[in-house]
Protein backbone atom coordinates (compact mmCIF):
# COMPACT_ATOMS: atom_id res chain seq x y z
CA MET A 1 -45.69 -33.17 1.45
CA LYS A 2 -42.13 -33.89 0.34
CA THR A 3 -42.42 -31.20 -2.32
CA GLU A 4 -43.42 -28.59 0.25
CA LYS A 5 -40.47 -29.52 2.47
CA THR A 6 -38.11 -29.33 -0.48
CA PHE A 7 -39.34 -25.88 -1.50
CA ALA A 8 -39.21 -24.70 2.11
CA ALA A 9 -35.59 -25.85 2.37
CA ILE A 10 -34.71 -24.09 -0.89
CA ASP A 11 -36.44 -20.93 0.30
CA ARG A 12 -34.49 -20.96 3.59
CA SER A 13 -31.26 -21.45 1.70
CA ILE A 14 -32.00 -18.52 -0.62
CA GLN A 15 -32.84 -16.26 2.31
CA LYS A 16 -29.49 -17.05 3.96
CA THR A 17 -27.52 -16.30 0.81
CA ASN A 18 -25.89 -12.89 0.52
CA ALA A 19 -24.98 -13.25 -3.12
CA LYS A 20 -24.49 -10.05 -5.08
CA LEU A 21 -24.41 -9.74 -8.82
CA LYS A 22 -21.35 -8.18 -10.38
CA LYS A 23 -21.79 -6.84 -13.85
CA GLU A 24 -18.74 -7.06 -16.07
CA GLU A 25 -18.01 -6.11 -19.64
CA VAL A 26 -15.07 -6.95 -21.85
CA SER A 27 -13.37 -3.94 -23.36
CA LEU A 28 -10.49 -3.03 -25.64
CA VAL A 29 -7.94 -0.37 -24.75
CA ARG A 30 -7.48 1.48 -28.04
CA SER A 31 -4.82 3.97 -26.96
CA ILE A 32 -2.93 5.17 -23.90
CA SER A 33 -1.32 8.57 -23.44
CA ALA A 34 -0.23 10.63 -20.40
CA GLY A 35 -2.19 8.63 -17.83
CA THR A 36 -5.36 8.43 -19.90
CA ALA A 37 -6.86 5.86 -22.25
CA ILE A 38 -9.49 5.54 -24.94
CA VAL A 39 -11.46 2.34 -24.29
CA GLY A 40 -14.01 0.66 -26.54
CA GLY A 41 -16.64 -1.96 -25.81
CA LEU A 42 -18.16 -0.50 -22.64
CA GLU A 43 -21.75 0.02 -23.74
CA ASN A 44 -23.22 0.34 -20.24
CA VAL A 45 -20.57 2.46 -18.54
CA GLU A 46 -21.49 5.74 -16.83
CA MET A 47 -19.63 8.99 -16.23
CA ASP A 48 -17.32 8.87 -13.18
CA GLU A 49 -17.62 5.07 -12.99
CA LEU A 50 -14.65 3.30 -11.46
CA LEU A 51 -13.09 0.71 -13.78
CA GLU A 52 -10.65 -2.04 -12.88
CA PHE A 53 -8.18 -3.08 -15.55
CA PRO A 54 -5.91 -6.14 -15.57
CA ASN A 55 -3.25 -6.19 -12.84
CA GLY A 56 -5.62 -4.23 -10.57
CA VAL A 57 -5.05 -0.88 -12.30
CA LEU A 58 -7.92 1.52 -11.55
CA GLY A 59 -9.35 4.28 -13.72
CA VAL A 60 -12.33 6.64 -13.80
CA VAL A 61 -14.52 7.31 -16.84
CA GLN A 62 -14.25 11.00 -17.74
CA THR A 63 -15.71 11.20 -21.26
CA LEU A 64 -18.49 9.28 -22.99
CA ASN A 65 -18.46 8.94 -26.77
CA ARG A 66 -20.63 6.86 -29.07
CA ASN A 67 -18.09 4.03 -29.52
CA SER A 68 -15.57 4.66 -26.75
CA VAL A 69 -14.94 6.23 -23.38
CA GLY A 70 -12.09 8.31 -22.03
CA VAL A 71 -10.51 7.02 -18.84
CA VAL A 72 -8.14 8.72 -16.40
CA PHE A 73 -5.95 6.23 -14.56
CA LEU A 74 -5.71 6.42 -10.77
CA ASP A 75 -2.67 4.13 -10.81
CA SER A 76 0.29 3.85 -13.14
CA SER A 77 -0.85 2.80 -16.60
CA ARG A 78 2.50 1.14 -17.44
CA LYS A 79 0.97 -2.32 -16.92
CA ILE A 80 -1.81 -1.65 -19.48
CA LYS A 81 -1.24 -2.34 -23.16
CA ALA A 82 -3.22 -0.84 -26.03
């Protein structure tokens, strides 16, 4: 009986939770030029995906290559180091 109550309490707790998974990958900025960057290490990225870099800098994936992606920054890229 105690086991059933415990599982019921756990089930209620899970149902109340609004947790969302956030997938993150670690990448390496290989080069930056004229508001764009070549970034490696993003194996699961998709075209037009929004990326957030350190300091809150945003960029959009514009090219997909085998070992890197091309990113166009939406903010100033001065805070990003290659």
